[in-house]
Amino acid sequence: MQALNDELQRRARRRAFIRACHPDRGGDAAAFIAGLAAFDEPATPEAARRVRVTVVRHPSLLARLLRILIRRHRRPARVR
């Protein structure tokens, strides 16, 4: 029961950190990633194999323009 309470408290602290420091809310991206990595530091070797922090980069301008052009030139649906 104590382990469950500890896990719930850890999750609550992590959520509070995310709400306070998320880059979409004005936080620093590097500090946010470092903070999440500290929260997600594995306690066991099994947990070390899991990836918890994922950084998604915006596509380049060329990739975005190509995506727009491809979407505009698709054939319309035959059934409405």
PDB file of N, CA and C in Angstrom:
ATOM      1  N   MET A   1       0.827  -1.190   0.000  1.00  0.00           N
ATOM      2  CA  MET A   1       0.000   0.000   0.000  1.00  0.00           C
ATOM      3  C   MET A   1       0.876   1.260   0.000  1.00  0.00           C
ATOM      4  N   GLN A   2       1.990   1.201   0.736  1.00  0.00           N
ATOM      5  CA  GLN A   2       2.894   2.348   0.790  1.00  0.00           C
ATOM      6  C   GLN A   2       3.514   2.628  -0.574  1.00  0.00           C
ATOM      7  N   ALA A   3       3.842   1.548  -1.312  1.00  0.00           N
ATOM      8  CA  ALA A   3       4.430   1.720  -2.642  1.00  0.00           C
ATOM      9  C   ALA A   3       3.447   2.400  -3.582  1.00  0.00           C
ATOM     10  N   LEU A   4       2.182   2.064  -3.460  1.00  0.00           N
ATOM     11  CA  LEU A   4       1.160   2.691  -4.298  1.00  0.00           C
ATOM     12  C   LEU A   4       1.051   4.182  -3.989  1.00  0.00           C
ATOM     13  N   ASN A   5       1.063   4.536  -2.716  1.00  0.00           N
ATOM     14  CA  ASN A   5       0.998   5.944  -2.327  1.00  0.00           C
ATOM     15  C   ASN A   5       2.219   6.710  -2.826  1.00  0.00           C
ATOM     16  N   ASP A   6       3.390   6.094  -2.731  1.00  0.00           N
ATOM     17  CA  ASP A   6       4.606   6.739  -3.231  1.00  0.00           C
ATOM     18  C   ASP A   6       4.515   6.986  -4.731  1.00  0.00           C
ATOM     19  N   GLU A   7       4.008   5.983  -5.464  1.00  0.00           N
ATOM     20  CA  GLU A   7       3.863   6.125  -6.913  1.00  0.00           C
ATOM     21  C   GLU A   7       2.864   7.230  -7.264  1.00  0.00           C
ATOM     22  N   LEU A   8       1.764   7.311  -6.537  1.00  0.00           N
ATOM     23  CA  LEU A   8       0.768   8.361  -6.789  1.00  0.00           C
ATOM     24  C   LEU A   8       1.342   9.743  -6.492  1.00  0.00           C
ATOM     25  N   GLN A   9       2.115   9.850  -5.431  1.00  0.00           N
ATOM     26  CA  GLN A   9       2.741  11.132  -5.099  1.00  0.00           C
ATOM     27  C   GLN A   9       3.777  11.520  -6.150  1.00  0.00           C
ATOM     28  N   ARG A  10       4.552  10.535  -6.641  1.00  0.00           N
ATOM     29  CA  ARG A  10       5.537  10.816  -7.688  1.00  0.00           C
ATOM     30  C   ARG A  10       4.845  11.311  -8.953  1.00  0.00           C
ATOM     31  N   ARG A  11       3.735  10.658  -9.322  1.00  0.00           N
ATOM     32  CA  ARG A  11       2.990  11.088 -10.503  1.00  0.00           C
ATOM     33  C   ARG A  11       2.415  12.491 -10.328  1.00  0.00           C
ATOM     34  N   ALA A  12       1.929  12.791  -9.131  1.00  0.00           N
ATOM     35  CA  ALA A  12       1.376  14.121  -8.864  1.00  0.00           C
ATOM     36  C   ALA A  12       2.461  15.193  -8.978  1.00  0.00           C
ATOM     37  N   ARG A  13       3.660  14.908  -8.447  1.00  0.00           N
ATOM     38  CA  ARG A  13       4.773  15.865  -8.550  1.00  0.00           C
ATOM     39  C   ARG A  13       5.178  16.056 -10.013  1.00  0.00           C
ATOM     40  N   ARG A  14       5.186  14.959 -10.768  1.00  0.00           N
ATOM     41  CA  ARG A  14       5.545  15.039 -12.191  1.00  0.00           C
ATOM     42  C   ARG A  14       4.518  15.883 -12.956  1.00  0.00           C
ATOM     43  N   ARG A  15       3.231  15.662 -12.715  1.00  0.00           N
ATOM     44  CA  ARG A  15       2.189  16.452 -13.391  1.00  0.00           C
ATOM     45  C   ARG A  15       2.291  17.929 -13.026  1.00  0.00           C
ATOM     46  N   ALA A  16       2.563  18.214 -11.762  1.00  0.00           N
ATOM     47  CA  ALA A  16       2.716  19.607 -11.338  1.00  0.00           C
ATOM     48  C   ALA A  16       3.903  20.256 -12.044  1.00  0.00           C
ATOM     49  N   PHE A  17       5.001  19.509 -12.174  1.00  0.00           N
ATOM     50  CA  PHE A  17       6.171  20.024 -12.890  1.00  0.00           C
ATOM     51  C   PHE A  17       5.815  20.318 -14.348  1.00  0.00           C
ATOM     52  N   ILE A  18       5.101  19.398 -14.985  1.00  0.00           N
ATOM     53  CA  ILE A  18       4.721  19.586 -16.384  1.00  0.00           C
ATOM     54  C   ILE A  18       3.839  20.814 -16.540  1.00  0.00           C
ATOM     55  N   ARG A  19       2.852  20.972 -15.656  1.00  0.00           N
ATOM     56  CA  ARG A  19       1.969  22.150 -15.738  1.00  0.00           C
ATOM     57  C   ARG A  19       2.748  23.449 -15.564  1.00  0.00           C
ATOM     58  N   ALA A  20       3.739  23.446 -14.694  1.00  0.00           N
ATOM     59  CA  ALA A  20       4.481  24.671 -14.387  1.00  0.00           C
ATOM     60  C   ALA A  20       5.550  24.997 -15.427  1.00  0.00           C
ATOM     61  N   CYS A  21       6.179  23.983 -16.026  1.00  0.00           N
ATOM     62  CA  CYS A  21       7.379  24.226 -16.834  1.00  0.00           C
ATOM     63  C   CYS A  21       7.243  23.866 -18.310  1.00  0.00           C
ATOM     64  N   HIS A  22       6.064  23.498 -18.771  1.00  0.00           N
ATOM     65  CA  HIS A  22       5.920  23.068 -20.164  1.00  0.00           C
ATOM     66  C   HIS A  22       6.249  24.224 -21.113  1.00  0.00           C
ATOM     67  N   PRO A  23       6.978  23.947 -22.203  1.00  0.00           N
ATOM     68  CA  PRO A  23       7.344  25.007 -23.157  1.00  0.00           C
ATOM     69  C   PRO A  23       6.133  25.706 -23.794  1.00  0.00           C
ATOM     70  N   ASP A  24       5.019  25.012 -23.937  1.00  0.00           N
ATOM     71  CA  ASP A  24       3.821  25.647 -24.481  1.00  0.00           C
ATOM     72  C   ASP A  24       3.232  26.674 -23.519  1.00  0.00           C
ATOM     73  N   ARG A  25       3.665  26.629 -22.272  1.00  0.00           N
ATOM     74  CA  ARG A  25       3.191  27.590 -21.278  1.00  0.00           C
ATOM     75  C   ARG A  25       4.291  28.571 -20.880  1.00  0.00           C
ATOM     76  N   GLY A  26       5.315  28.672 -21.723  1.00  0.00           N
ATOM     77  CA  GLY A  26       6.354  29.662 -21.485  1.00  0.00           C
ATOM     78  C   GLY A  26       7.601  29.139 -20.807  1.00  0.00           C
ATOM     79  N   GLY A  27       7.687  27.850 -20.573  1.00  0.00           N
ATOM     80  CA  GLY A  27       8.871  27.282 -19.935  1.00  0.00           C
ATOM     81  C   GLY A  27      10.004  27.069 -20.934  1.00  0.00           C
ATOM     82  N   ASP A  28      11.189  26.848 -20.418  1.00  0.00           N
ATOM     83  CA  ASP A  28      12.365  26.598 -21.246  1.00  0.00           C
ATOM     84  C   ASP A  28      12.367  25.131 -21.680  1.00  0.00           C
ATOM     85  N   ALA A  29      12.518  24.878 -22.982  1.00  0.00           N
ATOM     86  CA  ALA A  29      12.440  23.517 -23.517  1.00  0.00           C
ATOM     87  C   ALA A  29      13.555  22.625 -22.964  1.00  0.00           C
ATOM     88  N   ALA A  30      14.771  23.144 -22.897  1.00  0.00           N
ATOM     89  CA  ALA A  30      15.894  22.339 -22.404  1.00  0.00           C
ATOM     90  C   ALA A  30      15.705  21.984 -20.928  1.00  0.00           C
ATOM     91  N   ALA A  31      15.253  22.936 -20.142  1.00  0.00           N
ATOM     92  CA  ALA A  31      15.013  22.669 -18.719  1.00  0.00           C
ATOM     93  C   ALA A  31      13.864  21.684 -18.542  1.00  0.00           C
ATOM     94  N   PHE A  32      12.858  21.774 -19.391  1.00  0.00           N
ATOM     95  CA  PHE A  32      11.723  20.862 -19.337  1.00  0.00           C
ATOM     96  C   PHE A  32      12.163  19.431 -19.627  1.00  0.00           C
ATOM     97  N   ILE A  33      12.964  19.258 -20.686  1.00  0.00           N
ATOM     98  CA  ILE A  33      13.449  17.921 -21.044  1.00  0.00           C
ATOM     99  C   ILE A  33      14.327  17.359 -19.930  1.00  0.00           C
ATOM    100  N   ALA A  34      15.192  18.188 -19.372  1.00  0.00           N
ATOM    101  CA  ALA A  34      16.058  17.735 -18.287  1.00  0.00           C
ATOM    102  C   ALA A  34      15.234  17.361 -17.055  1.00  0.00           C
ATOM    103  N   GLY A  35      14.215  18.143 -16.759  1.00  0.00           N
ATOM    104  CA  GLY A  35      13.357  17.843 -15.614  1.00  0.00           C
ATOM    105  C   GLY A  35      12.597  16.540 -15.797  1.00  0.00           C
ATOM    106  N   LEU A  36      12.060  16.322 -16.993  1.00  0.00           N
ATOM    107  CA  LEU A  36      11.358  15.062 -17.254  1.00  0.00           C
ATOM    108  C   LEU A  36      12.308  13.879 -17.170  1.00  0.00           C
ATOM    109  N   ALA A  37      13.510  14.058 -17.674  1.00  0.00           N
ATOM    110  CA  ALA A  37      14.494  12.976 -17.601  1.00  0.00           C
ATOM    111  C   ALA A  37      14.811  12.643 -16.141  1.00  0.00           C
ATOM    112  N   ALA A  38      14.871  13.664 -15.286  1.00  0.00           N
ATOM    113  CA  ALA A  38      15.128  13.424 -13.865  1.00  0.00           C
ATOM    114  C   ALA A  38      13.955  12.684 -13.220  1.00  0.00           C
ATOM    115  N   PHE A  39      12.722  13.061 -13.565  1.00  0.00           N
ATOM    116  CA  PHE A  39      11.560  12.367 -13.025  1.00  0.00           C
ATOM    117  C   PHE A  39      11.501  10.930 -13.525  1.00  0.00           C
ATOM    118  N   ASP A  40      11.904  10.716 -14.761  1.00  0.00           N
ATOM    119  CA  ASP A  40      11.786   9.405 -15.389  1.00  0.00           C
ATOM    120  C   ASP A  40      13.046   8.555 -15.232  1.00  0.00           C
ATOM    121  N   GLU A  41      13.964   8.982 -14.395  1.00  0.00           N
ATOM    122  CA  GLU A  41      15.187   8.209 -14.192  1.00  0.00           C
ATOM    123  C   GLU A  41      14.804   6.815 -13.723  1.00  0.00           C
ATOM    124  N   PRO A  42      15.297   5.805 -14.400  1.00  0.00           N
ATOM    125  CA  PRO A  42      14.854   4.447 -14.098  1.00  0.00           C
ATOM    126  C   PRO A  42      15.319   3.970 -12.725  1.00  0.00           C
ATOM    127  N   ALA A  43      14.421   3.273 -12.049  1.00  0.00           N
ATOM    128  CA  ALA A  43      14.754   2.719 -10.741  1.00  0.00           C
ATOM    129  C   ALA A  43      15.265   1.290 -10.871  1.00  0.00           C
ATOM    130  N   THR A  44      14.914   0.652 -11.991  1.00  0.00           N
ATOM    131  CA  THR A  44      15.324  -0.734 -12.214  1.00  0.00           C
ATOM    132  C   THR A  44      15.902  -0.868 -13.615  1.00  0.00           C
ATOM    133  N   PRO A  45      16.679  -1.919 -13.880  1.00  0.00           N
ATOM    134  CA  PRO A  45      17.208  -2.124 -15.239  1.00  0.00           C
ATOM    135  C   PRO A  45      16.101  -2.299 -16.278  1.00  0.00           C
ATOM    136  N   GLU A  46      14.987  -2.906 -15.877  1.00  0.00           N
ATOM    137  CA  GLU A  46      13.865  -3.075 -16.806  1.00  0.00           C
ATOM    138  C   GLU A  46      13.299  -1.717 -17.201  1.00  0.00           C
ATOM    139  N   ALA A  47      13.196  -0.820 -16.256  1.00  0.00           N
ATOM    140  CA  ALA A  47      12.674   0.515 -16.547  1.00  0.00           C
ATOM    141  C   ALA A  47      13.649   1.307 -17.406  1.00  0.00           C
ATOM    142  N   ALA A  48      14.931   0.981 -17.349  1.00  0.00           N
ATOM    143  CA  ALA A  48      15.933   1.701 -18.140  1.00  0.00           C
ATOM    144  C   ALA A  48      15.757   1.449 -19.624  1.00  0.00           C
ATOM    145  N   ARG A  49      15.151   0.328 -19.987  1.00  0.00           N
ATOM    146  CA  ARG A  49      14.960   0.012 -21.401  1.00  0.00           C
ATOM    147  C   ARG A  49      13.811   0.797 -22.023  1.00  0.00           C
ATOM    148  N   ARG A  50      12.929   1.314 -21.196  1.00  0.00           N
ATOM    149  CA  ARG A  50      11.798   2.076 -21.724  1.00  0.00           C
ATOM    150  C   ARG A  50      12.197   3.523 -21.960  1.00  0.00           C
ATOM    151  N   VAL A  51      11.714   4.100 -23.041  1.00  0.00           N
ATOM    152  CA  VAL A  51      11.977   5.501 -23.359  1.00  0.00           C
ATOM    153  C   VAL A  51      10.760   6.304 -22.928  1.00  0.00           C
ATOM    154  N   ARG A  52      10.968   7.328 -22.102  1.00  0.00           N
ATOM    155  CA  ARG A  52       9.855   8.112 -21.595  1.00  0.00           C
ATOM    156  C   ARG A  52       9.812   9.509 -22.207  1.00  0.00           C
ATOM    157  N   VAL A  53      10.947  10.079 -22.552  1.00  0.00           N
ATOM    158  CA  VAL A  53      10.990  11.435 -23.095  1.00  0.00           C
ATOM    159  C   VAL A  53      11.201  11.334 -24.596  1.00  0.00           C
ATOM    160  N   THR A  54      10.261  11.896 -25.351  1.00  0.00           N
ATOM    161  CA  THR A  54      10.353  11.883 -26.804  1.00  0.00           C
ATOM    162  C   THR A  54      10.286  13.321 -27.296  1.00  0.00           C
ATOM    163  N   VAL A  55      11.253  13.716 -28.105  1.00  0.00           N
ATOM    164  CA  VAL A  55      11.282  15.056 -28.665  1.00  0.00           C
ATOM    165  C   VAL A  55      10.834  14.958 -30.119  1.00  0.00           C
ATOM    166  N   VAL A  56       9.801  15.710 -30.469  1.00  0.00           N
ATOM    167  CA  VAL A  56       9.275  15.698 -31.828  1.00  0.00           C
ATOM    168  C   VAL A  56       9.610  17.042 -32.460  1.00  0.00           C
ATOM    169  N   ARG A  57      10.347  17.001 -33.539  1.00  0.00           N
ATOM    170  CA  ARG A  57      10.730  18.240 -34.215  1.00  0.00           C
ATOM    171  C   ARG A  57       9.704  18.590 -35.280  1.00  0.00           C
ATOM    172  N   HIS A  58       9.542  19.880 -35.527  1.00  0.00           N
ATOM    173  CA  HIS A  58       8.649  20.332 -36.577  1.00  0.00           C
ATOM    174  C   HIS A  58       9.239  19.977 -37.935  1.00  0.00           C
ATOM    175  N   PRO A  59       8.385  19.600 -38.895  1.00  0.00           N
ATOM    176  CA  PRO A  59       8.919  19.299 -40.221  1.00  0.00           C
ATOM    177  C   PRO A  59       9.456  20.565 -40.883  1.00  0.00           C
ATOM    178  N   SER A  60      10.353  20.382 -41.822  1.00  0.00           N
ATOM    179  CA  SER A  60      10.934  21.533 -42.507  1.00  0.00           C
ATOM    180  C   SER A  60       9.866  22.226 -43.352  1.00  0.00           C
ATOM    181  N   LEU A  61      10.167  23.437 -43.768  1.00  0.00           N
ATOM    182  CA  LEU A  61       9.231  24.203 -44.582  1.00  0.00           C
ATOM    183  C   LEU A  61       8.932  23.465 -45.880  1.00  0.00           C
ATOM    184  N   LEU A  62       9.938  22.892 -46.504  1.00  0.00           N
ATOM    185  CA  LEU A  62       9.740  22.146 -47.741  1.00  0.00           C
ATOM    186  C   LEU A  62       8.802  20.958 -47.527  1.00  0.00           C
ATOM    187  N   ALA A  63       8.992  20.235 -46.452  1.00  0.00           N
ATOM    188  CA  ALA A  63       8.127  19.086 -46.156  1.00  0.00           C
ATOM    189  C   ALA A  63       6.687  19.531 -45.926  1.00  0.00           C
ATOM    190  N   ARG A  64       6.498  20.654 -45.235  1.00  0.00           N
ATOM    191  CA  ARG A  64       5.132  21.148 -45.003  1.00  0.00           C
ATOM    192  C   ARG A  64       4.472  21.579 -46.303  1.00  0.00           C
ATOM    193  N   LEU A  65       5.232  22.263 -47.169  1.00  0.00           N
ATOM    194  CA  LEU A  65       4.659  22.703 -48.449  1.00  0.00           C
ATOM    195  C   LEU A  65       4.295  21.516 -49.331  1.00  0.00           C
ATOM    196  N   LEU A  66       5.160  20.506 -49.372  1.00  0.00           N
ATOM    197  CA  LEU A  66       4.859  19.305 -50.154  1.00  0.00           C
ATOM    198  C   LEU A  66       3.612  18.601 -49.625  1.00  0.00           C
ATOM    199  N   ARG A  67       3.473  18.542 -48.328  1.00  0.00           N
ATOM    200  CA  ARG A  67       2.287  17.916 -47.734  1.00  0.00           C
ATOM    201  C   ARG A  67       1.019  18.666 -48.131  1.00  0.00           C
ATOM    202  N   ILE A  68       1.065  19.992 -48.143  1.00  0.00           N
ATOM    203  CA  ILE A  68      -0.093  20.795 -48.542  1.00  0.00           C
ATOM    204  C   ILE A  68      -0.437  20.541 -50.003  1.00  0.00           C
ATOM    205  N   LEU A  69       0.583  20.534 -50.863  1.00  0.00           N
ATOM    206  CA  LEU A  69       0.333  20.303 -52.292  1.00  0.00           C
ATOM    207  C   LEU A  69      -0.252  18.916 -52.547  1.00  0.00           C
ATOM    208  N   ILE A  70       0.252  17.929 -51.866  1.00  0.00           N
ATOM    209  CA  ILE A  70      -0.268  16.567 -52.047  1.00  0.00           C
ATOM    210  C   ILE A  70      -1.720  16.490 -51.594  1.00  0.00           C
ATOM    211  N   ARG A  71      -2.051  17.104 -50.494  1.00  0.00           N
ATOM    212  CA  ARG A  71      -3.431  17.068 -49.998  1.00  0.00           C
ATOM    213  C   ARG A  71      -4.384  17.784 -50.950  1.00  0.00           C
ATOM    214  N   ARG A  72      -3.945  18.854 -51.573  1.00  0.00           N
ATOM    215  CA  ARG A  72      -4.817  19.609 -52.484  1.00  0.00           C
ATOM    216  C   ARG A  72      -5.090  18.861 -53.781  1.00  0.00           C
ATOM    217  N   HIS A  73      -4.161  18.003 -54.187  1.00  0.00           N
ATOM    218  CA  HIS A  73      -4.298  17.344 -55.480  1.00  0.00           C
ATOM    219  C   HIS A  73      -4.813  15.914 -55.387  1.00  0.00           C
ATOM    220  N   ARG A  74      -5.340  15.533 -54.275  1.00  0.00           N
ATOM    221  CA  ARG A  74      -5.967  14.208 -54.152  1.00  0.00           C
ATOM    222  C   ARG A  74      -7.295  14.229 -54.892  1.00  0.00           C
ATOM    223  N   ARG A  75      -7.663  13.098 -55.398  1.00  0.00           N
ATOM    224  CA  ARG A  75      -8.959  12.999 -56.075  1.00  0.00           C
ATOM    225  C   ARG A  75     -10.079  13.109 -55.067  1.00  0.00           C
ATOM    226  N   PRO A  76     -11.157  13.758 -55.448  1.00  0.00           N
ATOM    227  CA  PRO A  76     -12.292  13.845 -54.504  1.00  0.00           C
ATOM    228  C   PRO A  76     -12.952  12.464 -54.350  1.00  0.00           C
ATOM    229  N   ALA A  77     -13.629  12.256 -53.271  1.00  0.00           N
ATOM    230  CA  ALA A  77     -14.302  10.989 -53.023  1.00  0.00           C
ATOM    231  C   ALA A  77     -15.430  10.815 -54.034  1.00  0.00           C
ATOM    232  N   ARG A  78     -15.632   9.582 -54.471  1.00  0.00           N
ATOM    233  CA  ARG A  78     -16.676   9.310 -55.471  1.00  0.00           C
ATOM    234  C   ARG A  78     -18.046   9.242 -54.829  1.00  0.00           C
ATOM    235  N   VAL A  79     -18.113   8.895 -53.568  1.00  0.00           N
ATOM    236  CA  VAL A  79     -19.383   8.784 -52.857  1.00  0.00           C
ATOM    237  C   VAL A  79     -19.479   9.937 -51.884  1.00  0.00           C
ATOM    238  N   ARG A  80     -20.628  10.554 -51.868  1.00  0.00           N
ATOM    239  CA  ARG A  80     -20.825  11.682 -50.946  1.00  0.00           C
ATOM    240  C   ARG A  80     -21.868  11.393 -49.923  1.00  0.00           C
TER     241      ARG A  80
END
